[in-house]
Protein backbone atom coordinates (compact mmCIF):
# COMPACT_ATOMS: atom_id res chain seq x y z
CA MET A 1 56.75 -143.86 -70.13
CA GLN A 2 56.87 -142.31 -66.67
CA ASP A 3 54.05 -143.35 -64.30
CA THR A 4 51.82 -140.28 -63.94
CA MET A 5 50.98 -141.29 -60.37
CA MET A 6 54.72 -141.23 -59.63
CA TRP A 7 55.40 -137.95 -61.45
CA TRP A 8 57.42 -136.71 -58.48
CA ARG A 9 59.94 -139.56 -58.58
CA GLY A 10 62.66 -137.90 -60.61
CA GLY A 11 60.49 -134.88 -61.28
CA VAL A 12 61.83 -131.32 -61.30
CA ILE A 13 59.89 -128.88 -59.11
CA TYR A 14 60.25 -125.13 -59.67
CA GLN A 15 60.08 -123.14 -56.45
CA ILE A 16 58.22 -119.84 -56.61
CA TYR A 17 58.57 -117.21 -53.88
CA PRO A 18 55.26 -115.39 -54.41
CA ARG A 19 56.31 -112.00 -53.00
CA SER A 20 59.04 -111.73 -55.63
CA PHE A 21 57.74 -113.45 -58.78
CA LEU A 22 55.45 -110.89 -60.46
CA ASP A 23 53.40 -107.98 -59.13
CA SER A 24 50.10 -107.87 -61.04
CA ARG A 25 48.50 -105.16 -58.90
CA GLY A 26 51.16 -102.46 -58.88
CA ASP A 27 51.80 -102.43 -55.14
CA GLY A 28 55.41 -103.64 -55.22
CA VAL A 29 54.62 -107.14 -53.96
CA GLY A 30 54.20 -110.28 -56.05
CA ASP A 31 50.87 -112.10 -55.96
CA LEU A 32 48.98 -115.19 -57.12
CA ASN A 33 47.66 -113.61 -60.32
CA GLY A 34 51.22 -112.62 -61.18
CA ILE A 35 52.25 -116.24 -60.86
CA THR A 36 49.34 -117.36 -63.05
CA GLU A 37 50.40 -114.83 -65.69
CA LYS A 38 53.89 -116.38 -65.88
CA LEU A 39 53.00 -120.08 -65.78
CA ASP A 40 53.58 -120.43 -69.53
CA TYR A 41 57.17 -119.35 -68.92
CA VAL A 42 57.52 -121.89 -66.11
CA ALA A 43 56.15 -124.66 -68.33
CA SER A 44 58.67 -123.69 -71.03
CA LEU A 45 61.48 -124.71 -68.68
CA ASN A 46 60.38 -128.36 -69.00
CA VAL A 47 59.80 -128.73 -65.25
CA ASP A 48 57.17 -131.07 -63.87
CA GLY A 49 55.59 -128.91 -61.22
CA ILE A 50 55.79 -125.84 -59.01
CA TRP A 51 56.15 -125.33 -55.28
CA LEU A 52 54.68 -122.13 -53.88
CA SER A 53 56.17 -120.65 -50.72
CA PRO A 54 53.47 -119.58 -48.22
CA PHE A 55 50.63 -117.33 -49.35
CA PHE A 56 48.35 -117.97 -46.37
CA THR A 57 46.89 -115.34 -44.03
CA SER A 58 49.74 -114.03 -41.91
CA PRO A 59 51.04 -110.95 -40.09
CA MET A 60 54.14 -111.48 -42.28
CA LEU A 61 56.70 -111.10 -39.50
CA ASP A 62 58.49 -114.07 -41.10
CA PHE A 63 57.03 -113.40 -44.55
CA GLY A 64 54.28 -116.00 -44.48
CA TYR A 65 56.04 -118.68 -42.45
CA ASP A 66 54.00 -117.37 -39.51
CA VAL A 67 50.49 -118.55 -40.39
CA SER A 68 47.38 -117.13 -38.74
CA ASN A 69 44.86 -118.95 -40.99
CA TYR A 70 45.89 -122.15 -42.74
CA CYS A 71 42.84 -122.28 -45.00
CA ASP A 72 42.77 -118.86 -46.66
CA VAL A 73 44.91 -116.58 -48.83
CA ASP A 74 46.43 -113.43 -47.38
CA PRO A 75 44.89 -110.37 -49.09
CA MET A 76 48.42 -109.30 -50.01
CA PHE A 77 48.51 -112.21 -52.48
CA GLY A 78 44.89 -112.25 -53.61
CA THR A 79 41.95 -114.51 -52.86
CA LEU A 80 41.10 -118.18 -52.67
CA ASP A 81 39.46 -117.81 -56.10
CA ASP A 82 42.78 -116.47 -57.42
CA PHE A 83 44.48 -119.60 -56.12
CA LYS A 84 41.85 -121.82 -57.78
CA ALA A 85 42.48 -120.01 -61.07
CA LEU A 86 46.22 -120.55 -60.67
CA LEU A 87 45.65 -124.23 -59.98
CA GLU A 88 43.45 -124.61 -63.06
CA LYS A 89 45.96 -122.84 -65.33
CA ALA A 90 48.88 -124.88 -64.01
CA HIS A 91 47.05 -128.16 -64.53
CA SER A 92 46.08 -127.14 -68.07
CA LEU A 93 49.80 -126.72 -68.79
CA GLY A 94 50.65 -130.11 -67.30
CA LEU A 95 52.23 -128.58 -64.19
CA LYS A 96 51.64 -130.11 -60.77
CA VAL A 97 51.13 -127.67 -57.88
CA MET A 98 52.73 -128.16 -54.47
CA ILE A 99 52.27 -125.69 -51.63
CA ASP A 100 54.20 -125.03 -48.44
CA GLN A 101 52.86 -126.35 -45.16
CA VAL A 102 54.20 -124.71 -42.01
CA ILE A 103 52.61 -126.86 -39.35
CA SER A 104 55.32 -127.09 -36.67
CA HIS A 105 54.45 -123.57 -35.50
CA THR A 106 51.80 -120.91 -36.03
CA SER A 107 51.73 -117.14 -35.78
CA ASP A 108 51.02 -115.80 -32.31
CA GLN A 109 48.00 -114.19 -34.01
CA HIS A 110 46.48 -117.58 -34.82
CA PRO A 111 43.19 -118.09 -32.92
CA TRP A 112 44.55 -121.33 -31.45
CA PHE A 113 47.40 -119.54 -29.72
CA GLN A 114 45.28 -116.56 -28.77
CA GLU A 115 43.06 -118.98 -26.86
CA SER A 116 45.90 -121.12 -25.51
CA ARG A 117 47.72 -118.23 -23.87
CA GLN A 118 44.69 -117.00 -21.89
CA ASP A 119 45.03 -119.47 -19.01
CA ARG A 120 46.01 -123.07 -18.21
CA THR A 121 42.51 -124.56 -18.40
CA ASN A 122 41.03 -123.48 -21.75
CA PRO A 123 40.31 -126.08 -24.51
CA LYS A 124 43.50 -125.11 -26.40
CA ALA A 125 45.68 -124.85 -23.27
CA ASP A 126 47.84 -127.82 -24.30
CA TRP A 127 47.93 -127.15 -28.05
CA PHE A 128 51.26 -125.32 -27.71
CA VAL A 129 54.43 -126.11 -25.77
CA TRP A 130 54.17 -124.46 -22.35
CA ALA A 131 56.50 -125.04 -19.41
CA ASP A 132 57.04 -123.60 -15.96
CA PRO A 133 60.11 -121.46 -15.27
CA LYS A 134 62.98 -122.82 -13.25
CA PRO A 135 62.81 -121.76 -9.57
CA ASP A 136 64.97 -118.73 -10.38
CA GLY A 137 62.60 -117.63 -13.15
CA THR A 138 64.85 -118.58 -16.04
CA PRO A 139 63.69 -120.63 -19.06
CA PRO A 140 62.96 -124.36 -18.66
CA ASN A 141 66.13 -125.46 -20.48
CA ASN A 142 68.99 -124.34 -22.73
CA TRP A 143 67.26 -124.70 -26.10
CA LEU A 144 68.02 -121.90 -28.56
CA SER A 145 66.00 -120.26 -31.29
CA ILE A 146 67.48 -120.44 -34.78
CA PHE A 147 66.69 -116.73 -35.06
CA GLY A 148 68.73 -115.84 -31.97
CA GLY A 149 68.43 -116.06 -28.20
CA SER A 150 66.48 -118.51 -26.08
CA ALA A 151 63.81 -120.69 -27.68
CA TRP A 152 61.53 -119.74 -24.76
CA THR A 153 59.48 -116.60 -24.14
CA PHE A 154 57.67 -115.83 -20.89
CA ASP A 155 53.93 -115.11 -20.97
CA SER A 156 52.57 -113.17 -18.01
CA ARG A 157 49.03 -114.51 -18.27
CA ARG A 158 49.94 -118.15 -17.74
CA GLN A 159 53.12 -117.40 -15.80
CA GLN A 160 54.81 -119.92 -18.09
CA TYR A 161 57.25 -119.97 -20.98
CA TYR A 162 56.21 -121.05 -24.48
CA LEU A 163 58.55 -122.68 -27.01
CA HIS A 164 59.46 -121.11 -30.35
CA ASN A 165 62.24 -122.48 -32.53
CA PHE A 166 62.16 -119.33 -34.66
CA LEU A 167 60.70 -115.88 -33.89
CA THR A 168 59.02 -115.19 -30.55
CA SER A 169 55.88 -114.64 -32.65
CA GLN A 170 56.03 -118.24 -33.96
CA PRO A 171 54.94 -120.48 -31.06
CA ASP A 172 55.51 -124.20 -31.50
CA VAL A 173 52.46 -126.44 -31.83
CA ASN A 174 52.45 -129.28 -29.27
CA PHE A 175 52.44 -132.38 -31.46
CA HIS A 176 52.22 -134.54 -28.36
CA ASN A 177 48.58 -133.40 -28.27
CA PRO A 178 46.51 -135.64 -30.60
CA GLU A 179 43.85 -132.96 -31.18
CA ALA A 180 46.47 -130.48 -32.38
CA ARG A 181 48.00 -133.09 -34.69
CA GLN A 182 44.61 -133.91 -36.18
CA ALA A 183 43.78 -130.24 -36.67
CA GLN A 184 46.90 -129.79 -38.78
CA LEU A 185 46.04 -132.87 -40.86
CA ASP A 186 42.57 -131.42 -41.38
CA ASN A 187 44.11 -128.16 -42.61
CA MET A 188 46.11 -130.11 -45.16
CA ARG A 189 43.03 -132.05 -46.26
CA PHE A 190 41.39 -128.70 -47.10
CA TRP A 191 44.03 -128.05 -49.79
CA LEU A 192 44.02 -131.63 -51.06
CA ASP A 193 40.26 -131.34 -51.58
CA LEU A 194 40.90 -128.19 -53.64
CA GLY A 195 43.16 -130.22 -55.92
CA VAL A 196 46.74 -129.47 -54.93
CA ASP A 197 49.23 -132.17 -55.91
CA GLY A 198 51.38 -132.16 -52.80
CA PHE A 199 53.13 -130.34 -50.02
CA ARG A 200 56.55 -129.03 -49.22
CA LEU A 201 56.83 -129.46 -45.45
CA ASP A 202 58.71 -126.74 -43.64
CA THR A 203 61.05 -127.91 -40.84
CA VAL A 204 59.59 -131.42 -41.04
CA ASN A 205 61.85 -132.76 -38.27
CA PHE A 206 60.77 -130.06 -35.77
CA TYR A 207 57.27 -131.35 -35.07
CA PHE A 208 58.00 -133.10 -31.78
CA HIS A 209 60.11 -132.04 -28.82
CA ASP A 210 61.46 -134.05 -25.91
CA ALA A 211 58.59 -134.28 -23.43
CA GLU A 212 61.06 -134.20 -20.52
CA LEU A 213 62.59 -130.93 -21.84
CA ARG A 214 66.15 -132.15 -21.32
CA ASP A 215 69.05 -129.78 -22.09
CA ASN A 216 70.86 -130.18 -25.39
CA PRO A 217 74.56 -131.11 -25.02
CA PRO A 218 77.26 -128.86 -26.52
CA VAL A 219 79.02 -129.77 -29.74
CA PRO A 220 82.29 -131.41 -28.68
CA LYS A 221 85.35 -129.34 -29.51
CA GLY A 222 86.62 -130.04 -33.01
CA GLU A 223 83.46 -131.83 -34.18
CA ALA A 224 81.33 -130.65 -37.10
CA LYS A 225 78.50 -128.24 -36.36
CA THR A 226 74.99 -128.54 -37.75
CA LEU A 227 74.41 -127.43 -41.36
CA GLY A 228 70.97 -126.10 -40.38
CA ALA A 229 72.14 -122.58 -39.48
CA PRO A 230 75.01 -120.19 -40.28
CA GLU A 231 78.19 -120.92 -38.30
CA ALA A 232 78.06 -117.44 -36.71
CA ASN A 233 74.80 -118.45 -35.00
CA PRO A 234 75.16 -119.84 -31.41
CA TYR A 235 72.44 -122.33 -32.38
CA THR A 236 75.23 -124.33 -34.05
CA TRP A 237 77.06 -124.73 -30.72
CA GLN A 238 74.56 -127.35 -29.52
CA ARG A 239 73.90 -130.92 -30.53
CA HIS A 240 70.18 -130.84 -31.26
CA VAL A 241 69.26 -134.08 -29.55
CA TYR A 242 66.13 -133.08 -27.67
CA ASP A 243 64.53 -130.15 -29.49
CA LEU A 244 64.05 -131.81 -32.89
CA SER A 245 64.15 -135.10 -34.84
CA ARG A 246 62.47 -136.97 -32.02
CA PRO A 247 61.43 -140.61 -32.64
CA GLU A 248 57.73 -139.77 -32.25
CA ASN A 249 57.97 -137.83 -35.50
CA LEU A 250 58.00 -141.05 -37.49
CA ASP A 251 54.52 -142.05 -36.33
CA PHE A 252 53.11 -138.67 -37.33
CA LEU A 253 54.72 -138.94 -40.76
CA LYS A 254 52.94 -142.27 -41.17
CA ASP A 255 49.63 -140.60 -40.33
CA LEU A 256 50.41 -137.91 -42.88
CA ARG A 257 51.26 -140.51 -45.52
CA ALA A 258 47.95 -142.26 -44.85
CA LEU A 259 46.21 -138.95 -45.60
CA MET A 260 48.20 -138.45 -48.81
CA ASP A 261 47.40 -141.99 -49.93
CA GLU A 262 43.71 -141.04 -49.97
CA TYR A 263 44.62 -138.69 -52.84
CA PRO A 264 46.47 -140.76 -55.50
CA GLY A 265 49.24 -138.93 -57.33
CA THR A 266 49.95 -136.47 -54.53
CA THR A 267 53.35 -136.20 -52.89
CA THR A 268 55.35 -134.70 -50.03
CA VAL A 269 58.85 -133.28 -49.82
CA GLY A 270 60.24 -132.46 -46.39
CA GLU A 271 62.86 -129.90 -45.41
CA ILE A 272 65.37 -131.39 -42.97
CA GLY A 273 67.78 -129.26 -40.97
CA ASP A 274 69.54 -131.70 -38.66
CA ASP A 275 72.94 -132.54 -37.20
CA ASN A 276 72.88 -135.72 -39.33
CA PRO A 277 70.78 -134.66 -42.32
CA LEU A 278 71.37 -137.52 -44.76
CA GLU A 279 70.66 -140.10 -42.07
CA ARG A 280 67.43 -138.29 -41.27
CA MET A 281 66.50 -138.04 -44.96
CA ALA A 282 66.90 -141.78 -45.32
CA GLU A 283 64.91 -142.45 -42.15
CA TYR A 284 62.04 -140.16 -43.12
CA THR A 285 61.60 -141.39 -46.72
CA ALA A 286 62.37 -145.13 -46.44
CA GLY A 287 59.75 -147.83 -46.37
CA GLY A 288 57.08 -146.19 -48.53
CA ASP A 289 54.98 -145.24 -45.48
CA LYS A 290 56.31 -141.79 -44.53
CA LEU A 291 57.50 -138.90 -46.73
CA HIS A 292 57.81 -139.43 -50.47
CA MET A 293 60.92 -137.22 -50.63
CA ALA A 294 63.10 -135.00 -48.47
CA TYR A 295 65.92 -132.54 -48.97
CA THR A 296 68.74 -131.54 -46.67
CA PHE A 297 71.30 -128.74 -46.44
CA ASP A 298 74.16 -130.86 -47.81
CA LEU A 299 74.02 -129.04 -51.15
CA LEU A 300 72.74 -125.79 -49.62
CA ASN A 301 75.96 -124.96 -47.79
CA MET A 302 79.44 -123.84 -48.80
CA PRO A 303 81.32 -127.09 -49.65
CA HIS A 304 81.01 -127.97 -53.33
CA SER A 305 84.22 -129.60 -54.58
CA ALA A 306 84.03 -132.75 -56.65
CA SER A 307 85.35 -134.73 -53.69
CA TYR A 308 82.66 -133.26 -51.40
CA LEU A 309 79.89 -134.06 -53.89
CA ARG A 310 81.20 -137.62 -54.19
CA GLU A 311 81.19 -137.93 -50.40
CA VAL A 312 77.56 -136.72 -50.17
CA ILE A 313 76.46 -139.17 -52.85
CA GLU A 314 78.40 -142.04 -51.27
CA ARG A 315 77.02 -141.30 -47.81
CA PHE A 316 73.44 -141.11 -49.03
CA GLN A 317 73.76 -144.35 -50.99
CA ARG A 318 75.24 -146.07 -47.97
CA LEU A 319 72.38 -144.95 -45.74
CA ALA A 320 69.48 -144.68 -48.12
CA GLY A 321 68.07 -148.14 -48.72
CA ASP A 322 64.89 -147.39 -50.66
CA ALA A 323 64.78 -143.72 -49.58
CA TRP A 324 64.26 -141.04 -52.23
CA PRO A 325 66.07 -137.67 -52.10
CA CYS A 326 65.10 -134.31 -53.52
CA TRP A 327 68.23 -132.32 -54.29
CA ALA A 328 68.43 -128.52 -54.23
CA THR A 329 71.33 -126.09 -54.53
CA SER A 330 69.30 -122.92 -53.88
CA ASN A 331 66.09 -121.84 -52.15
CA HIS A 332 64.55 -118.88 -50.34
CA ASP A 333 66.67 -119.43 -47.21
CA VAL A 334 70.26 -119.61 -48.50
CA VAL A 335 72.71 -117.56 -50.56
CA ARG A 336 72.10 -118.24 -54.25
CA SER A 337 74.25 -121.05 -55.63
CA ALA A 338 75.77 -118.86 -58.36
CA THR A 339 77.41 -116.88 -55.55
CA ARG A 340 77.67 -119.41 -52.73
CA TRP A 341 79.49 -121.92 -54.92
CA GLY A 342 80.46 -119.81 -57.91
CA SER A 343 81.76 -116.55 -56.44
CA GLU A 344 85.31 -117.31 -57.61
CA GLU A 345 84.26 -118.97 -60.87
CA ASP A 346 83.19 -117.77 -64.31
CA PRO A 347 79.75 -116.19 -63.62
CA HIS A 348 78.37 -117.21 -67.03
CA ALA A 349 79.76 -120.73 -67.40
CA TYR A 350 79.68 -122.02 -63.82
CA PRO A 351 75.90 -121.93 -63.18
CA LYS A 352 75.29 -124.01 -66.30
CA VAL A 353 77.62 -126.87 -65.40
CA MET A 354 76.48 -126.80 -61.77
CA LEU A 355 72.85 -127.18 -62.85
CA ALA A 356 73.82 -129.91 -65.30
CA MET A 357 75.29 -131.80 -62.35
CA LEU A 358 72.18 -131.18 -60.21
CA PHE A 359 69.81 -132.38 -62.93
CA SER A 360 71.80 -135.59 -63.37
CA LEU A 361 71.73 -136.80 -59.77
CA ARG A 362 69.54 -139.70 -58.75
CA GLY A 363 66.51 -138.18 -57.09
CA SER A 364 64.07 -135.37 -57.65
CA VAL A 365 65.15 -131.73 -57.95
CA CYS A 366 63.94 -128.39 -56.61
CA LEU A 367 64.94 -125.48 -58.87
CA TYR A 368 64.59 -122.05 -57.25
CA GLN A 369 63.19 -119.12 -59.24
CA GLY A 370 65.99 -117.20 -60.95
CA GLU A 371 68.40 -120.11 -60.65
CA GLU A 372 67.62 -120.91 -64.28
CA LEU A 373 68.96 -117.43 -65.12
CA GLY A 374 72.19 -117.89 -63.16
CA LEU A 375 71.29 -115.01 -60.84
CA PRO A 376 73.94 -114.13 -58.25
CA GLU A 377 73.04 -113.21 -54.68
CA ALA A 378 71.66 -109.67 -54.56
CA ASP A 379 73.39 -107.05 -52.45
CA VAL A 380 70.70 -105.60 -50.18
CA PRO A 381 71.86 -102.60 -48.10
CA PHE A 382 71.20 -102.76 -44.37
CA GLU A 383 68.56 -100.03 -44.49
CA ARG A 384 66.52 -102.16 -46.96
CA ILE A 385 66.86 -105.44 -45.03
CA GLN A 386 63.45 -106.95 -44.30
CA ASP A 387 64.45 -110.34 -42.88
CA PRO A 388 64.37 -110.42 -39.05
CA TYR A 389 67.01 -113.16 -39.13
CA GLY A 390 69.43 -110.79 -40.88
CA LYS A 391 68.75 -107.89 -38.51
CA VAL A 392 69.71 -110.03 -35.49
CA LEU A 393 72.98 -111.46 -36.84
CA TRP A 394 74.18 -108.59 -39.08
CA PRO A 395 76.86 -108.13 -40.38
CA GLU A 396 78.32 -111.66 -40.10
CA PHE A 397 75.03 -112.98 -41.50
CA LYS A 398 73.06 -110.63 -43.72
CA GLY A 399 69.84 -112.60 -43.68
CA ARG A 400 67.94 -114.16 -46.54
CA ASP A 401 66.84 -111.08 -48.48
CA GLY A 402 69.67 -111.42 -51.01
CA CYS A 403 68.06 -114.55 -52.51
CA ARG A 404 64.50 -113.15 -52.29
CA THR A 405 64.77 -110.02 -54.45
CA PRO A 406 62.35 -109.63 -57.40
CA MET A 407 62.54 -111.78 -60.50
CA PRO A 408 63.98 -109.83 -63.49
CA TRP A 409 61.67 -110.33 -66.46
CA THR A 410 63.03 -107.42 -68.52
CA ASP A 411 66.15 -105.25 -68.38
CA VAL A 412 64.39 -101.92 -67.76
CA ASP A 413 62.85 -100.07 -64.81
CA GLN A 414 62.04 -102.57 -62.04
CA GLY A 415 62.91 -105.52 -64.24
CA GLY A 416 59.31 -105.88 -65.37
CA PHE A 417 58.44 -107.14 -61.89
CA SER A 418 56.40 -104.11 -60.84
CA PRO A 419 55.62 -100.57 -62.04
CA VAL A 420 56.61 -99.25 -58.60
CA GLU A 421 59.54 -99.65 -56.20
CA PRO A 422 59.30 -103.27 -55.00
CA TRP A 423 59.34 -104.54 -51.43
CA LEU A 424 63.02 -105.48 -51.90
CA PRO A 425 65.25 -103.61 -54.34
CA MET A 426 65.78 -104.93 -57.84
CA GLU A 427 69.43 -105.95 -58.09
CA ALA A 428 71.09 -103.99 -60.91
CA ARG A 429 73.28 -106.97 -61.92
CA HIS A 430 70.13 -109.06 -62.40
CA LEU A 431 68.85 -106.79 -65.17
CA ASP A 432 71.65 -107.99 -67.44
CA LEU A 433 70.44 -111.56 -66.81
CA ALA A 434 66.73 -110.83 -67.32
CA VAL A 435 64.50 -113.34 -69.06
CA SER A 436 64.15 -110.95 -72.02
CA ARG A 437 67.95 -110.84 -72.41
CA GLN A 438 68.36 -114.62 -72.30
CA GLN A 439 65.22 -115.74 -74.12
CA ASP A 440 66.71 -115.90 -77.61
CA ASP A 441 70.35 -116.59 -76.74
CA PRO A 442 71.14 -120.30 -77.29
CA ASN A 443 74.20 -120.00 -75.02
CA ALA A 444 72.31 -118.43 -72.12
CA THR A 445 71.84 -120.25 -68.85
CA LEU A 446 68.05 -120.13 -69.36
CA ASN A 447 68.22 -122.10 -72.59
CA SER A 448 70.81 -124.48 -71.18
CA VAL A 449 68.32 -125.31 -68.44
CA ARG A 450 65.56 -125.89 -70.97
CA ALA A 451 67.82 -128.18 -73.01
CA LEU A 452 69.10 -130.06 -69.97
CA LEU A 453 65.60 -130.70 -68.64
CA ALA A 454 64.34 -131.79 -72.06
CA PHE A 455 67.29 -134.22 -72.20
CA ARG A 456 66.53 -135.47 -68.69
CA SER A 457 62.87 -136.09 -69.45
CA SER A 458 63.71 -138.04 -72.62
CA HIS A 459 66.13 -140.41 -70.85
CA PRO A 460 64.53 -142.71 -68.24
CA ALA A 461 67.97 -143.44 -66.79
CA LEU A 462 68.23 -139.80 -65.69
CA PHE A 463 64.93 -139.40 -63.93
CA ASP A 464 64.88 -142.56 -61.83
CA GLY A 465 67.70 -144.84 -62.93
CA ASP A 466 70.39 -146.23 -60.65
CA LEU A 467 73.52 -144.15 -60.00
CA THR A 468 77.01 -145.60 -59.72
CA LEU A 469 80.00 -143.37 -58.99
CA VAL A 470 83.02 -143.91 -61.25
CA ASP A 471 86.65 -142.89 -60.85
CA VAL A 472 87.46 -140.00 -63.17
CA GLY A 473 90.10 -138.36 -60.98
CA GLU A 474 90.05 -136.02 -58.00
CA ASP A 475 88.95 -132.87 -59.85
CA LEU A 476 86.07 -134.33 -61.84
CA LEU A 477 82.73 -135.79 -60.77
CA GLY A 478 81.57 -138.81 -62.71
CA PHE A 479 78.86 -141.42 -62.46
CA THR A 480 76.71 -143.68 -64.58
CA ARG A 481 72.93 -143.64 -64.63
CA GLN A 482 71.26 -146.87 -65.66
CA LYS A 483 67.72 -148.04 -66.25
CA GLY A 484 66.71 -151.00 -68.37
CA ASP A 485 68.85 -151.14 -71.50
CA GLU A 486 70.07 -147.56 -71.16
CA THR A 487 73.29 -146.58 -69.38
CA LEU A 488 74.61 -143.03 -69.49
CA LEU A 489 78.03 -141.83 -68.34
CA CYS A 490 77.91 -138.30 -66.92
CA VAL A 491 81.12 -136.38 -66.20
CA PHE A 492 81.36 -132.81 -64.85
CA ASN A 493 84.23 -130.36 -64.68
CA LEU A 494 83.19 -127.80 -62.05
CA THR A 495 86.62 -126.13 -62.13
CA GLY A 496 88.11 -123.31 -64.17
CA GLN A 497 90.89 -125.53 -65.57
CA GLU A 498 90.84 -128.04 -68.41
CA GLN A 499 90.74 -131.60 -67.10
CA HIS A 500 91.65 -134.96 -68.64
CA THR A 501 90.60 -138.43 -67.58
CA THR A 502 90.68 -142.00 -68.82
CA LEU A 503 87.16 -143.23 -69.51
CA PRO A 504 86.19 -145.84 -66.89
CA VAL A 505 83.73 -147.62 -69.24
CA ASN A 506 83.35 -148.31 -72.94
CA VAL A 507 81.44 -145.51 -74.66
CA ALA A 508 79.30 -146.06 -77.75
CA SER A 509 78.36 -142.47 -78.58
CA ASP A 510 78.25 -138.91 -77.27
CA HIS A 511 75.16 -136.82 -76.60
CA SER A 512 75.23 -133.17 -77.58
CA VAL A 513 73.44 -131.34 -74.77
CA ALA A 514 73.11 -127.62 -74.02
CA ASN A 515 76.20 -126.63 -76.05
CA PHE A 516 78.58 -128.38 -73.67
CA THR A 517 81.89 -129.30 -75.30
CA ALA A 518 84.10 -132.28 -74.59
CA THR A 519 86.39 -134.34 -76.80
CA ARG A 520 87.24 -138.02 -76.83
CA ASP A 521 90.52 -139.41 -78.16
CA GLY A 522 90.35 -143.13 -77.78
CA SER A 523 89.79 -143.72 -74.07
CA THR A 524 90.88 -140.20 -73.08
CA LEU A 525 88.20 -137.62 -72.30
CA THR A 526 89.10 -133.92 -72.30
CA LEU A 527 86.77 -131.50 -70.57
CA PRO A 528 87.47 -127.76 -70.91
CA ALA A 529 86.71 -125.54 -67.92
CA TYR A 530 83.07 -125.68 -66.71
CA GLN A 531 82.00 -128.35 -69.14
CA ALA A 532 79.95 -131.55 -68.92
CA ALA A 533 79.84 -134.71 -71.01
CA PHE A 534 76.97 -137.14 -71.46
CA MET A 535 77.84 -140.40 -73.18
CA GLN A 536 76.00 -143.57 -74.10
CA VAL A 537 77.74 -146.59 -72.55
CA ALA A 538 78.29 -149.50 -74.91
């Protein structure tokens, strides 16, 4: 029996992007009551909890990741009472509720920043990162914003620059200031007191900056660039030594963990975009006194061959110690996995075997809305682009709107998402993959996900057992999962060609899961294209 206080350890968390889940008010934008209406569907997936992207008060220049009030709901999404109703319904269904926390930066409309920018002597003067210009008036150093251009913007009132790692309207909070740190912890306590079960922490390695404001060095020629931004972005030309992942971050994460420990059964998962992401994941989750979990961009980028997946697993195991990962292949910031990894593969078969692999890894899992339907990346025309990131780097990078389009519940009109034209266009190809189309089809990706997650939850070895890679050849990925008396062999063919391998262990029996097909002839295992095999080890 899984420890209910440790529900997150091996748990599967379903990410909901509120703007695009369900519009209950007929204004073209998803909302909290729409989410509440569809929680029975979410529970039917056999996930353990949900993570809600930001719904806090915001001018929405970065769609909620620019917060102007951490302790209230933006009217676009409803009210605080609507959130309480959502929380109550989720808990009645056995679903935990995690919410985003964007504490490294605020909106420039936040009262803290409005006060801070007035002059250099007000009570909030040092709550944000301010620095004098160089003698020639240029920014204090060479740090770049992920969203393009310098990470510094000049403010005429203070005659200083302020730091922003993202939009100019997202000033960085100065975590070197203990009052600012405590204020953010107090904001999080507000939601814990309401009964939330944990937090997803946006840009968790961005909290502290180098107090000396030293320049970042360039990436040496021929060396790998960061996975934290598209390669077309000049941000990837620097080694991010001084603007993020500073050692002081670890002490703050310990303070955060102390807060979480006051609320038994709650958890944290951090987003890490770093030059050395797996090393940072291990550092931030080891020891039981910092984050509970973290995820990186190792499975959110382009590489996805069996050899690459083996290398990621090997590297994490080498570095991890007692660290705990949370794996994800899609989210609201990256091209959907069905396209990013599966663009040249069978669009029906590939998502199923990819998710089977994801659900079998050692760690927890974040499953992004629509991923259970095998949705491809939507094609959003330039004139409908909403994402400021996409407008800056178009056309080499088209922004994040393609993974944020509305959820297709039915195959008519606006996909059952809204009675009116939604804030982003409904992708026509998604209508063929709507929930209503897949609901009763046993071979659909939706029902494969349900079966895979039911299988995972019924096998302790899969949700927190040990993982050992096994040699099944270059084109297959194979490993065992073991806990107590149970050992499972898991083998995945992520290619479009039939593959054969000699079994590396003695197998007692085969598990029939999600209509995957594989055959054993003695010690030879045959996996047709895009198939998985789950076997009980003798």
